Structure formats: structure tokens, C-alpha cells
C-alpha atoms as a PDB file:
ATOM      1  CA  MET A   1      -9.055  12.647  12.858  1.00  0.00           C
ATOM      2  CA  ALA A   2     -11.115   9.510  13.354  1.00  0.00           C
ATOM      3  CA  ASP A   3      -9.364   7.337  10.811  1.00  0.00           C
ATOM      4  CA  ALA A   4      -5.998   8.345  11.981  1.00  0.00           C
ATOM      5  CA  GLN A   5      -3.596   5.933  13.695  1.00  0.00           C
ATOM      6  CA  LEU A   6       0.008   5.579  14.382  1.00  0.00           C
ATOM      7  CA  PRO A   7       2.141   2.234  13.741  1.00  0.00           C
ATOM      8  CA  PRO A   8       2.197  -0.352  16.640  1.00  0.00           C
ATOM      9  CA  GLY A   9       4.893   0.603  18.946  1.00  0.00           C
ATOM     10  CA  TRP A  10       5.728   4.168  17.903  1.00  0.00           C
ATOM     11  CA  SER A  11       4.337   7.249  19.653  1.00  0.00           C
ATOM     12  CA  LEU A  12       3.643  10.624  18.194  1.00  0.00           C
ATOM     13  CA  GLN A  13       6.533  12.046  20.079  1.00  0.00           C
ATOM     14  CA  GLN A  14       9.249   9.414  18.531  1.00  0.00           C
ATOM     15  CA  ILE A  15       7.841  10.064  15.128  1.00  0.00           C
ATOM     16  CA  ARG A  16       8.479  13.687  15.730  1.00  0.00           C
ATOM     17  CA  ASP A  17      11.681  13.097  17.289  1.00  0.00           C
ATOM     18  CA  VAL A  18      13.133  10.698  14.406  1.00  0.00           C
ATOM     19  CA  SER A  19      11.593  12.670  11.643  1.00  0.00           C
ATOM     20  CA  GLY A  20      13.135  16.064  13.198  1.00  0.00           C
ATOM     21  CA  ASP A  21       9.301  17.628  12.344  1.00  0.00           C
ATOM     22  CA  LYS A  22       7.787  18.784  15.499  1.00  0.00           C
ATOM     23  CA  GLU A  23       4.265  19.528  13.856  1.00  0.00           C
ATOM     24  CA  ALA A  24       4.065  15.614  12.640  1.00  0.00           C
ATOM     25  CA  VAL A  25       0.655  14.125  12.468  1.00  0.00           C
ATOM     26  CA  ALA A  26      -1.333  10.972  11.827  1.00  0.00           C
ATOM     27  CA  LEU A  27      -3.626  11.667   8.889  1.00  0.00           C
ATOM     28  CA  ASP A  28      -6.739  10.654   8.263  1.00  0.00           C
ATOM     29  CA  LEU A  29      -7.422   7.569   5.379  1.00  0.00           C
ATOM     30  CA  ASN A  30     -10.306   9.500   3.358  1.00  0.00           C
ATOM     31  CA  ARG A  31      -8.070  10.148   0.656  1.00  0.00           C
ATOM     32  CA  THR A  32      -6.410   9.278  -2.699  1.00  0.00           C
ATOM     33  CA  VAL A  33      -3.256   7.866  -2.805  1.00  0.00           C
ATOM     34  CA  LYS A  34      -1.209   6.916  -5.541  1.00  0.00           C
ATOM     35  CA  TRP A  35       2.018   5.230  -6.349  1.00  0.00           C
ATOM     36  CA  VAL A  36       3.654   7.392  -8.986  1.00  0.00           C
ATOM     37  CA  ASP A  37       6.630   4.998 -10.092  1.00  0.00           C
ATOM     38  CA  ARG A  38       8.098   6.608 -13.108  1.00  0.00           C
ATOM     39  CA  PRO A  39       6.853   9.328 -15.862  1.00  0.00           C
ATOM     40  CA  GLY A  40       4.388   7.537 -18.188  1.00  0.00           C
ATOM     41  CA  ALA A  41       3.770   4.376 -16.108  1.00  0.00           C
ATOM     42  CA  PRO A  42       0.058   3.774 -15.015  1.00  0.00           C
ATOM     43  CA  ASN A  43      -0.281   4.926 -11.692  1.00  0.00           C
ATOM     44  CA  GLU A  44      -1.438   2.466  -9.017  1.00  0.00           C
ATOM     45  CA  VAL A  45      -3.879   3.112  -6.408  1.00  0.00           C
ATOM     46  CA  LEU A  46      -2.720   2.426  -2.766  1.00  0.00           C
ATOM     47  CA  HIS A  47      -5.115   1.314   0.129  1.00  0.00           C
ATOM     48  CA  PRO A  48      -3.790   3.125   3.228  1.00  0.00           C
ATOM     49  CA  GLU A  49      -3.881   1.643   6.680  1.00  0.00           C
ATOM     50  CA  ILE A  50      -1.596   4.435   8.228  1.00  0.00           C
ATOM     51  CA  ILE A  51      -0.588   7.948   6.838  1.00  0.00           C
ATOM     52  CA  LEU A  52       1.595  10.383   8.603  1.00  0.00           C
ATOM     53  CA  GLY A  53       1.977  13.946   7.728  1.00  0.00           C
ATOM     54  CA  PHE A  54       4.899  16.161   7.716  1.00  0.00           C
ATOM     55  CA  HIS A  55       3.674  19.611   6.175  1.00  0.00           C
ATOM     56  CA  SER A  56       3.795  18.570   2.238  1.00  0.00           C
ATOM     57  CA  LEU A  57       5.411  15.444   2.439  1.00  0.00           C
ATOM     58  CA  CYS A  58       3.868  12.061   3.991  1.00  0.00           C
ATOM     59  CA  LEU A  59       4.625   8.429   4.526  1.00  0.00           C
ATOM     60  CA  VAL A  60       1.913   6.109   3.585  1.00  0.00           C
ATOM     61  CA  LYS A  61       1.582   2.254   4.835  1.00  0.00           C
ATOM     62  CA  PRO A  62      -0.598   0.337   2.596  1.00  0.00           C
ATOM     63  CA  VAL A  63      -2.754  -2.267   4.101  1.00  0.00           C
ATOM     64  CA  ASP A  64      -1.309  -5.952   3.399  1.00  0.00           C
ATOM     65  CA  ASP A  65       2.150  -4.222   2.472  1.00  0.00           C
ATOM     66  CA  ASP A  66       5.284  -3.882   5.093  1.00  0.00           C
ATOM     67  CA  ASP A  67       6.842  -1.011   3.271  1.00  0.00           C
ATOM     68  CA  TRP A  68       6.318   3.013   3.681  1.00  0.00           C
ATOM     69  CA  TYR A  69       5.973   5.174   0.750  1.00  0.00           C
ATOM     70  CA  MET A  70       7.029   8.887   0.972  1.00  0.00           C
ATOM     71  CA  GLY A  71       4.981  11.216  -1.298  1.00  0.00           C
ATOM     72  CA  SER A  72       3.943  14.579  -1.841  1.00  0.00           C
ATOM     73  CA  LEU A  73       0.748  15.630  -0.261  1.00  0.00           C
ATOM     74  CA  TYR A  74      -1.508  18.604  -2.086  1.00  0.00           C
ATOM     75  CA  ASP A  75      -3.680  20.856  -1.125  1.00  0.00           C
ATOM     76  CA  ASP A  76      -7.073  18.755  -1.964  1.00  0.00           C
ATOM     77  CA  GLY A  77      -5.591  15.812   0.273  1.00  0.00           C
ATOM     78  CA  SER A  78      -4.695  13.659  -2.229  1.00  0.00           C
ATOM     79  CA  ILE A  79      -1.113  12.149  -1.992  1.00  0.00           C
ATOM     80  CA  ASP A  80       1.515  11.136  -5.287  1.00  0.00           C
ATOM     81  CA  CYS A  81       4.335   8.425  -3.731  1.00  0.00           C
ATOM     82  CA  TRP A  82       6.987   8.035  -5.554  1.00  0.00           C
ATOM     83  CA  ALA A  83       9.826   6.020  -3.117  1.00  0.00           C
ATOM     84  CA  ALA A  84       9.428   3.520  -0.912  1.00  0.00           C
ATOM     85  CA  TYR A  85      11.165   2.246   2.138  1.00  0.00           C
ATOM     86  CA  ALA A  86      11.207  -1.149   4.158  1.00  0.00           C
ATOM     87  CA  ASP A  87      11.611   0.379   7.649  1.00  0.00           C
ATOM     88  CA  LEU A  88       9.801   3.338   9.185  1.00  0.00           C
ATOM     89  CA  TYR A  89      12.803   4.549  11.035  1.00  0.00           C
ATOM     90  CA  GLU A  90      14.747   4.858   7.526  1.00  0.00           C
ATOM     91  CA  ALA A  91      11.746   6.401   5.968  1.00  0.00           C
ATOM     92  CA  LEU A  92      11.483   9.027   8.653  1.00  0.00           C
ATOM     93  CA  ARG A  93      15.251   9.777   8.646  1.00  0.00           C
ATOM     94  CA  GLY A  94      14.843  10.333   4.555  1.00  0.00           C
ATOM     95  CA  LEU A  95      12.130  12.747   5.133  1.00  0.00           C
END
């Protein structure tokens, strides 16, 4: 977890409180992250700055992007994102 980091101004406890997931964690960035907008469309590779894990779901904040992307966290560590939120609080509440 050397690459794991939290969003500025947020503690892990605050993230757990807002999301309702008492086991939420910051994940390392060494993984494949894709934006899968719609079936049949080409997937876009995202370059994560922050990844928060919530069991089989996660939130990804890409480099040079203010949005938070929600996605599925797979057993191999890869992530497919399928929803976007402009605000971290709303993304945490949407889990």
C-alpha cells in the first residue's frame, strides 16, 4: 500500500462514516483501471491518483480530473468504472 493515499481533507474514518463501510481502505495505484461507458464502446484507460476500496466496489479519482468514478473491483485487482460523480461525498453516499 505504499502508493495508497487519501483525498485531501478526508480521513479514513470520515470515508468509512459517510460510506457506511467500516472496512473501506485506500488502495495502491498499481492496477488496470478502465472507464466502460457503454457496451460495445471502446474502453478508456484511467490513470488513478486515488483509489478507495469498498469490498467489491471502488471509487477512483483520476489524475487531472475532478470527478470520482465508481466501479467494480475484480479479484485480479483490475477495476471497470461505470458511473461518475462530481463530488466525493455524493459518490460515497452512492455506494
